[in-house]
């Protein structure tokens, strides 16, 4: 699951950046007050998807870190899990 989230994050940020800078999304966003074209909207949604997957990766990384610490402390101090 982490590999999927990692590649989803990287690809969505890359495509959003290409759309934003390469296809005029930034210039259109700055110049007009709305409604925005598909380039601006798609790049925004892709950036949001990248942020969601980055958040998922962060939560899963620290969750695994905490689980390993709890297991190591249980072995080190002779305690059972959950007590």
PDB file of N, CA and C in Angstrom:
ATOM      1  N   UNK A   1       0.819  -1.188   0.000  1.00  0.00           N
ATOM      2  CA  UNK A   1       0.000   0.000   0.000  1.00  0.00           C
ATOM      3  C   UNK A   1       0.866   1.257   0.000  1.00  0.00           C
ATOM      4  N   UNK A   2       1.999   1.200   0.674  1.00  0.00           N
ATOM      5  CA  UNK A   2       2.865   2.372   0.740  1.00  0.00           C
ATOM      6  C   UNK A   2       3.504   2.664  -0.615  1.00  0.00           C
ATOM      7  N   UNK A   3       3.810   1.607  -1.379  1.00  0.00           N
ATOM      8  CA  UNK A   3       4.389   1.827  -2.706  1.00  0.00           C
ATOM      9  C   UNK A   3       3.389   2.521  -3.626  1.00  0.00           C
ATOM     10  N   UNK A   4       2.143   2.113  -3.532  1.00  0.00           N
ATOM     11  CA  UNK A   4       1.105   2.737  -4.354  1.00  0.00           C
ATOM     12  C   UNK A   4       0.942   4.199  -3.963  1.00  0.00           C
ATOM     13  N   UNK A   5       0.895   4.476  -2.663  1.00  0.00           N
ATOM     14  CA  UNK A   5       0.735   5.849  -2.202  1.00  0.00           C
ATOM     15  C   UNK A   5       1.936   6.705  -2.585  1.00  0.00           C
ATOM     16  N   UNK A   6       3.130   6.117  -2.525  1.00  0.00           N
ATOM     17  CA  UNK A   6       4.335   6.877  -2.885  1.00  0.00           C
ATOM     18  C   UNK A   6       4.304   7.254  -4.363  1.00  0.00           C
ATOM     19  N   UNK A   7       4.020   6.298  -5.235  1.00  0.00           N
ATOM     20  CA  UNK A   7       4.013   6.600  -6.659  1.00  0.00           C
ATOM     21  C   UNK A   7       2.826   7.471  -7.043  1.00  0.00           C
ATOM     22  N   UNK A   8       1.712   7.321  -6.350  1.00  0.00           N
ATOM     23  CA  UNK A   8       0.570   8.196  -6.590  1.00  0.00           C
ATOM     24  C   UNK A   8       0.904   9.628  -6.214  1.00  0.00           C
ATOM     25  N   UNK A   9       1.570   9.807  -5.077  1.00  0.00           N
ATOM     26  CA  UNK A   9       1.965  11.148  -4.642  1.00  0.00           C
ATOM     27  C   UNK A   9       2.928  11.777  -5.639  1.00  0.00           C
ATOM     28  N   UNK A  10       3.965  11.039  -6.009  1.00  0.00           N
ATOM     29  CA  UNK A  10       4.969  11.591  -6.916  1.00  0.00           C
ATOM     30  C   UNK A  10       4.388  11.916  -8.288  1.00  0.00           C
ATOM     31  N   UNK A  11       3.593  11.010  -8.825  1.00  0.00           N
ATOM     32  CA  UNK A  11       3.043  11.251 -10.162  1.00  0.00           C
ATOM     33  C   UNK A  11       2.008  12.366 -10.159  1.00  0.00           C
ATOM     34  N   UNK A  12       1.181  12.450  -9.137  1.00  0.00           N
ATOM     35  CA  UNK A  12       0.177  13.510  -9.116  1.00  0.00           C
ATOM     36  C   UNK A  12       0.827  14.878  -8.933  1.00  0.00           C
ATOM     37  N   UNK A  13       1.851  14.978  -8.086  1.00  0.00           N
ATOM     38  CA  UNK A  13       2.557  16.249  -7.958  1.00  0.00           C
ATOM     39  C   UNK A  13       3.260  16.625  -9.258  1.00  0.00           C
ATOM     40  N   UNK A  14       3.855  15.648  -9.935  1.00  0.00           N
ATOM     41  CA  UNK A  14       4.564  15.937 -11.184  1.00  0.00           C
ATOM     42  C   UNK A  14       3.605  16.415 -12.273  1.00  0.00           C
ATOM     43  N   UNK A  15       2.493  15.723 -12.430  1.00  0.00           N
ATOM     44  CA  UNK A  15       1.526  16.120 -13.453  1.00  0.00           C
ATOM     45  C   UNK A  15       0.906  17.471 -13.112  1.00  0.00           C
ATOM     46  N   UNK A  16       0.604  17.698 -11.836  1.00  0.00           N
ATOM     47  CA  UNK A  16       0.053  18.993 -11.428  1.00  0.00           C
ATOM     48  C   UNK A  16       1.043  20.112 -11.693  1.00  0.00           C
ATOM     49  N   UNK A  17       2.314  19.872 -11.425  1.00  0.00           N
ATOM     50  CA  UNK A  17       3.326  20.893 -11.675  1.00  0.00           C
ATOM     51  C   UNK A  17       3.473  21.183 -13.163  1.00  0.00           C
ATOM     52  N   UNK A  18       3.451  20.152 -13.981  1.00  0.00           N
ATOM     53  CA  UNK A  18       3.544  20.351 -15.430  1.00  0.00           C
ATOM     54  C   UNK A  18       2.334  21.127 -15.938  1.00  0.00           C
ATOM     55  N   UNK A  19       1.146  20.775 -15.475  1.00  0.00           N
ATOM     56  CA  UNK A  19      -0.046  21.505 -15.892  1.00  0.00           C
ATOM     57  C   UNK A  19      -0.024  22.945 -15.395  1.00  0.00           C
ATOM     58  N   UNK A  20       0.419  23.126 -14.164  1.00  0.00           N
ATOM     59  CA  UNK A  20       0.400  24.451 -13.544  1.00  0.00           C
ATOM     60  C   UNK A  20       1.392  25.390 -14.215  1.00  0.00           C
ATOM     61  N   UNK A  21       2.601  24.901 -14.446  1.00  0.00           N
ATOM     62  CA  UNK A  21       3.638  25.771 -15.012  1.00  0.00           C
ATOM     63  C   UNK A  21       3.724  25.680 -16.534  1.00  0.00           C
ATOM     64  N   UNK A  22       3.586  24.498 -17.079  1.00  0.00           N
ATOM     65  CA  UNK A  22       3.803  24.305 -18.498  1.00  0.00           C
ATOM     66  C   UNK A  22       2.630  24.668 -19.391  1.00  0.00           C
ATOM     67  N   UNK A  23       1.424  24.507 -18.910  1.00  0.00           N
ATOM     68  CA  UNK A  23       0.255  24.737 -19.750  1.00  0.00           C
ATOM     69  C   UNK A  23      -0.533  25.980 -19.357  1.00  0.00           C
ATOM     70  N   UNK A  24       0.064  26.862 -18.596  1.00  0.00           N
ATOM     71  CA  UNK A  24      -0.535  28.158 -18.316  1.00  0.00           C
ATOM     72  C   UNK A  24      -1.527  28.191 -17.187  1.00  0.00           C
ATOM     73  N   UNK A  25      -1.499  27.232 -16.309  1.00  0.00           N
ATOM     74  CA  UNK A  25      -2.434  27.238 -15.191  1.00  0.00           C
ATOM     75  C   UNK A  25      -2.182  28.367 -14.215  1.00  0.00           C
ATOM     76  N   UNK A  26      -0.919  28.624 -13.929  1.00  0.00           N
ATOM     77  CA  UNK A  26      -0.579  29.688 -12.979  1.00  0.00           C
ATOM     78  C   UNK A  26      -0.941  31.051 -13.539  1.00  0.00           C
ATOM     79  N   UNK A  27      -0.617  31.296 -14.789  1.00  0.00           N
ATOM     80  CA  UNK A  27      -0.909  32.607 -15.380  1.00  0.00           C
ATOM     81  C   UNK A  27      -2.416  32.843 -15.465  1.00  0.00           C
ATOM     82  N   UNK A  28      -3.172  31.818 -15.775  1.00  0.00           N
ATOM     83  CA  UNK A  28      -4.620  31.974 -15.815  1.00  0.00           C
ATOM     84  C   UNK A  28      -5.198  32.196 -14.419  1.00  0.00           C
ATOM     85  N   UNK A  29      -4.659  31.497 -13.429  1.00  0.00           N
ATOM     86  CA  UNK A  29      -5.135  31.657 -12.063  1.00  0.00           C
ATOM     87  C   UNK A  29      -4.875  33.068 -11.555  1.00  0.00           C
ATOM     88  N   UNK A  30      -3.718  33.615 -11.871  1.00  0.00           N
ATOM     89  CA  UNK A  30      -3.365  34.958 -11.408  1.00  0.00           C
ATOM     90  C   UNK A  30      -4.155  36.014 -12.172  1.00  0.00           C
ATOM     91  N   UNK A  31      -4.381  35.806 -13.463  1.00  0.00           N
ATOM     92  CA  UNK A  31      -4.980  36.833 -14.308  1.00  0.00           C
ATOM     93  C   UNK A  31      -6.494  36.944 -14.157  1.00  0.00           C
ATOM     94  N   UNK A  32      -7.189  35.853 -13.937  1.00  0.00           N
ATOM     95  CA  UNK A  32      -8.652  35.937 -13.924  1.00  0.00           C
ATOM     96  C   UNK A  32      -9.205  35.669 -12.538  1.00  0.00           C
ATOM     97  N   UNK A  33     -10.454  36.088 -12.371  1.00  0.00           N
ATOM     98  CA  UNK A  33     -11.138  35.906 -11.094  1.00  0.00           C
ATOM     99  C   UNK A  33     -12.048  34.688 -11.112  1.00  0.00           C
ATOM    100  N   UNK A  34     -12.081  33.972 -12.206  1.00  0.00           N
ATOM    101  CA  UNK A  34     -12.891  32.774 -12.313  1.00  0.00           C
ATOM    102  C   UNK A  34     -13.925  32.940 -13.386  1.00  0.00           C
ATOM    103  N   UNK A  35     -14.610  31.985 -13.814  1.00  0.00           N
ATOM    104  CA  UNK A  35     -14.391  30.562 -13.610  1.00  0.00           C
ATOM    105  C   UNK A  35     -13.126  30.101 -14.342  1.00  0.00           C
ATOM    106  N   UNK A  36     -12.474  29.144 -13.761  1.00  0.00           N
ATOM    107  CA  UNK A  36     -11.193  28.699 -14.267  1.00  0.00           C
ATOM    108  C   UNK A  36     -11.355  27.552 -15.260  1.00  0.00           C
ATOM    109  N   UNK A  37     -10.362  27.415 -16.106  1.00  0.00           N
ATOM    110  CA  UNK A  37     -10.400  26.351 -17.118  1.00  0.00           C
ATOM    111  C   UNK A  37     -10.054  25.006 -16.475  1.00  0.00           C
ATOM    112  N   UNK A  38     -10.094  23.989 -17.292  1.00  0.00           N
ATOM    113  CA  UNK A  38      -9.813  22.635 -16.800  1.00  0.00           C
ATOM    114  C   UNK A  38      -8.367  22.478 -16.342  1.00  0.00           C
ATOM    115  N   UNK A  39      -7.441  23.235 -16.937  1.00  0.00           N
ATOM    116  CA  UNK A  39      -6.033  23.120 -16.552  1.00  0.00           C
ATOM    117  C   UNK A  39      -5.848  23.508 -15.091  1.00  0.00           C
ATOM    118  N   UNK A  40      -6.475  24.587 -14.682  1.00  0.00           N
ATOM    119  CA  UNK A  40      -6.348  25.040 -13.295  1.00  0.00           C
ATOM    120  C   UNK A  40      -7.046  24.069 -12.354  1.00  0.00           C
ATOM    121  N   UNK A  41      -8.226  23.624 -12.718  1.00  0.00           N
ATOM    122  CA  UNK A  41      -8.977  22.732 -11.845  1.00  0.00           C
ATOM    123  C   UNK A  41      -8.328  21.361 -11.720  1.00  0.00           C
ATOM    124  N   UNK A  42      -7.858  20.807 -12.817  1.00  0.00           N
ATOM    125  CA  UNK A  42      -7.236  19.483 -12.769  1.00  0.00           C
ATOM    126  C   UNK A  42      -5.932  19.539 -11.990  1.00  0.00           C
ATOM    127  N   UNK A  43      -5.142  20.590 -12.194  1.00  0.00           N
ATOM    128  CA  UNK A  43      -3.890  20.692 -11.444  1.00  0.00           C
ATOM    129  C   UNK A  43      -4.161  20.876  -9.950  1.00  0.00           C
ATOM    130  N   UNK A  44      -5.209  21.578  -9.600  1.00  0.00           N
ATOM    131  CA  UNK A  44      -5.564  21.720  -8.188  1.00  0.00           C
ATOM    132  C   UNK A  44      -5.999  20.408  -7.562  1.00  0.00           C
ATOM    133  N   UNK A  45      -6.823  19.646  -8.275  1.00  0.00           N
ATOM    134  CA  UNK A  45      -7.266  18.353  -7.761  1.00  0.00           C
ATOM    135  C   UNK A  45      -6.121  17.358  -7.665  1.00  0.00           C
ATOM    136  N   UNK A  46      -5.216  17.403  -8.638  1.00  0.00           N
ATOM    137  CA  UNK A  46      -4.053  16.510  -8.574  1.00  0.00           C
ATOM    138  C   UNK A  46      -3.128  16.871  -7.418  1.00  0.00           C
ATOM    139  N   UNK A  47      -2.961  18.163  -7.171  1.00  0.00           N
ATOM    140  CA  UNK A  47      -2.149  18.578  -6.036  1.00  0.00           C
ATOM    141  C   UNK A  47      -2.799  18.140  -4.724  1.00  0.00           C
ATOM    142  N   UNK A  48      -4.122  18.235  -4.646  1.00  0.00           N
ATOM    143  CA  UNK A  48      -4.827  17.776  -3.449  1.00  0.00           C
ATOM    144  C   UNK A  48      -4.677  16.266  -3.274  1.00  0.00           C
ATOM    145  N   UNK A  49      -4.744  15.517  -4.361  1.00  0.00           N
ATOM    146  CA  UNK A  49      -4.523  14.073  -4.296  1.00  0.00           C
ATOM    147  C   UNK A  49      -3.116  13.753  -3.813  1.00  0.00           C
ATOM    148  N   UNK A  50      -2.139  14.531  -4.268  1.00  0.00           N
ATOM    149  CA  UNK A  50      -0.767  14.358  -3.799  1.00  0.00           C
ATOM    150  C   UNK A  50      -0.634  14.639  -2.318  1.00  0.00           C
ATOM    151  N   UNK A  51      -1.319  15.665  -1.828  1.00  0.00           N
ATOM    152  CA  UNK A  51      -1.270  15.971  -0.394  1.00  0.00           C
ATOM    153  C   UNK A  51      -1.932  14.882   0.443  1.00  0.00           C
ATOM    154  N   UNK A  52      -3.030  14.343  -0.050  1.00  0.00           N
ATOM    155  CA  UNK A  52      -3.710  13.263   0.681  1.00  0.00           C
ATOM    156  C   UNK A  52      -2.822  12.023   0.748  1.00  0.00           C
ATOM    157  N   UNK A  53      -2.195  11.676  -0.359  1.00  0.00           N
ATOM    158  CA  UNK A  53      -1.325  10.498  -0.325  1.00  0.00           C
ATOM    159  C   UNK A  53      -0.068  10.747   0.496  1.00  0.00           C
ATOM    160  N   UNK A  54       0.443  11.975   0.520  1.00  0.00           N
ATOM    161  CA  UNK A  54       1.583  12.294   1.383  1.00  0.00           C
ATOM    162  C   UNK A  54       1.192  12.196   2.852  1.00  0.00           C
ATOM    163  N   UNK A  55      -0.018  12.619   3.173  1.00  0.00           N
ATOM    164  CA  UNK A  55      -0.519  12.485   4.543  1.00  0.00           C
ATOM    165  C   UNK A  55      -0.648  11.017   4.922  1.00  0.00           C
ATOM    166  N   UNK A  56      -1.155  10.198   4.009  1.00  0.00           N
ATOM    167  CA  UNK A  56      -1.269   8.752   4.254  1.00  0.00           C
ATOM    168  C   UNK A  56       0.101   8.137   4.498  1.00  0.00           C
ATOM    169  N   UNK A  57       1.092   8.538   3.705  1.00  0.00           N
ATOM    170  CA  UNK A  57       2.439   8.011   3.885  1.00  0.00           C
ATOM    171  C   UNK A  57       3.021   8.417   5.237  1.00  0.00           C
ATOM    172  N   UNK A  58       2.787   9.640   5.637  1.00  0.00           N
ATOM    173  CA  UNK A  58       3.292  10.112   6.927  1.00  0.00           C
ATOM    174  C   UNK A  58       2.661   9.357   8.080  1.00  0.00           C
ATOM    175  N   UNK A  59       1.357   9.177   8.024  1.00  0.00           N
ATOM    176  CA  UNK A  59       0.655   8.459   9.090  1.00  0.00           C
ATOM    177  C   UNK A  59       1.117   7.007   9.158  1.00  0.00           C
ATOM    178  N   UNK A  60       1.262   6.366   8.005  1.00  0.00           N
ATOM    179  CA  UNK A  60       1.683   4.967   8.024  1.00  0.00           C
ATOM    180  C   UNK A  60       3.136   4.827   8.474  1.00  0.00           C
ATOM    181  N   UNK A  61       3.997   5.781   8.123  1.00  0.00           N
ATOM    182  CA  UNK A  61       5.388   5.730   8.557  1.00  0.00           C
ATOM    183  C   UNK A  61       5.493   5.852  10.075  1.00  0.00           C
ATOM    184  N   UNK A  62       4.829   6.840  10.654  1.00  0.00           N
ATOM    185  CA  UNK A  62       4.930   7.017  12.099  1.00  0.00           C
ATOM    186  C   UNK A  62       4.183   5.927  12.861  1.00  0.00           C
ATOM    187  N   UNK A  63       3.106   5.386  12.278  1.00  0.00           N
ATOM    188  CA  UNK A  63       2.426   4.258  12.909  1.00  0.00           C
ATOM    189  C   UNK A  63       3.319   3.036  12.981  1.00  0.00           C
ATOM    190  N   UNK A  64       4.039   2.765  11.883  1.00  0.00           N
ATOM    191  CA  UNK A  64       4.972   1.634  11.883  1.00  0.00           C
ATOM    192  C   UNK A  64       6.116   1.875  12.853  1.00  0.00           C
ATOM    193  N   UNK A  65       6.577   3.107  12.928  1.00  0.00           N
ATOM    194  CA  UNK A  65       7.647   3.450  13.860  1.00  0.00           C
ATOM    195  C   UNK A  65       7.213   3.224  15.310  1.00  0.00           C
ATOM    196  N   UNK A  66       6.004   3.612  15.632  1.00  0.00           N
ATOM    197  CA  UNK A  66       5.487   3.422  16.990  1.00  0.00           C
ATOM    198  C   UNK A  66       5.289   1.939  17.279  1.00  0.00           C
ATOM    199  N   UNK A  67       4.755   1.180  16.298  1.00  0.00           N
ATOM    200  CA  UNK A  67       4.577  -0.265  16.506  1.00  0.00           C
ATOM    201  C   UNK A  67       5.905  -0.964  16.758  1.00  0.00           C
ATOM    202  N   UNK A  68       6.937  -0.603  16.004  1.00  0.00           N
ATOM    203  CA  UNK A  68       8.254  -1.220  16.217  1.00  0.00           C
ATOM    204  C   UNK A  68       8.821  -0.845  17.576  1.00  0.00           C
ATOM    205  N   UNK A  69       8.627   0.391  18.001  1.00  0.00           N
ATOM    206  CA  UNK A  69       9.122   0.818  19.312  1.00  0.00           C
ATOM    207  C   UNK A  69       8.413   0.075  20.425  1.00  0.00           C
ATOM    208  N   UNK A  70       7.105  -0.099  20.301  1.00  0.00           N
ATOM    209  CA  UNK A  70       6.346  -0.825  21.322  1.00  0.00           C
ATOM    210  C   UNK A  70       6.798  -2.277  21.382  1.00  0.00           C
ATOM    211  N   UNK A  71       6.998  -2.898  20.238  1.00  0.00           N
ATOM    212  CA  UNK A  71       7.446  -4.299  20.227  1.00  0.00           C
ATOM    213  C   UNK A  71       8.851  -4.431  20.803  1.00  0.00           C
ATOM    214  N   UNK A  72       9.738  -3.508  20.476  1.00  0.00           N
ATOM    215  CA  UNK A  72      11.103  -3.556  20.996  1.00  0.00           C
ATOM    216  C   UNK A  72      11.106  -3.341  22.510  1.00  0.00           C
ATOM    217  N   UNK A  73      10.304  -2.434  23.008  1.00  0.00           N
ATOM    218  CA  UNK A  73      10.239  -2.201  24.446  1.00  0.00           C
ATOM    219  C   UNK A  73       9.617  -3.377  25.187  1.00  0.00           C
ATOM    220  N   UNK A  74       8.670  -4.052  24.545  1.00  0.00           N
ATOM    221  CA  UNK A  74       8.070  -5.228  25.178  1.00  0.00           C
ATOM    222  C   UNK A  74       9.099  -6.328  25.345  1.00  0.00           C
ATOM    223  N   UNK A  75       9.961  -6.493  24.368  1.00  0.00           N
ATOM    224  CA  UNK A  75      11.014  -7.501  24.467  1.00  0.00           C
ATOM    225  C   UNK A  75      12.078  -7.052  25.465  1.00  0.00           C
ATOM    226  N   UNK A  76      12.448  -5.801  25.386  1.00  0.00           N
ATOM    227  CA  UNK A  76      13.533  -5.287  26.222  1.00  0.00           C
ATOM    228  C   UNK A  76      13.177  -5.298  27.709  1.00  0.00           C
ATOM    229  N   UNK A  77      11.963  -4.904  28.037  1.00  0.00           N
ATOM    230  CA  UNK A  77      11.574  -4.792  29.433  1.00  0.00           C
ATOM    231  C   UNK A  77      10.711  -5.944  29.915  1.00  0.00           C
ATOM    232  N   UNK A  78      10.489  -6.946  29.095  1.00  0.00           N
ATOM    233  CA  UNK A  78       9.751  -8.140  29.506  1.00  0.00           C
ATOM    234  C   UNK A  78       8.278  -7.917  29.730  1.00  0.00           C
ATOM    235  N   UNK A  79       7.707  -6.933  29.061  1.00  0.00           N
ATOM    236  CA  UNK A  79       6.278  -6.652  29.235  1.00  0.00           C
ATOM    237  C   UNK A  79       5.511  -7.243  28.067  1.00  0.00           C
ATOM    238  N   UNK A  80       4.280  -7.620  28.351  1.00  0.00           N
ATOM    239  CA  UNK A  80       3.426  -8.104  27.285  1.00  0.00           C
ATOM    240  C   UNK A  80       2.743  -6.926  26.630  1.00  0.00           C
ATOM    241  N   UNK A  81       2.417  -7.128  25.378  1.00  0.00           N
ATOM    242  CA  UNK A  81       1.739  -6.071  24.648  1.00  0.00           C
ATOM    243  C   UNK A  81       0.343  -5.862  25.212  1.00  0.00           C
ATOM    244  N   UNK A  82      -0.040  -4.617  25.370  1.00  0.00           N
ATOM    245  CA  UNK A  82      -1.380  -4.317  25.843  1.00  0.00           C
ATOM    246  C   UNK A  82      -1.517  -4.161  27.330  1.00  0.00           C
ATOM    247  N   UNK A  83      -0.453  -4.320  28.068  1.00  0.00           N
ATOM    248  CA  UNK A  83      -0.530  -4.159  29.526  1.00  0.00           C
ATOM    249  C   UNK A  83       0.030  -2.856  29.959  1.00  0.00           C
TER     250      UNK A  83
END
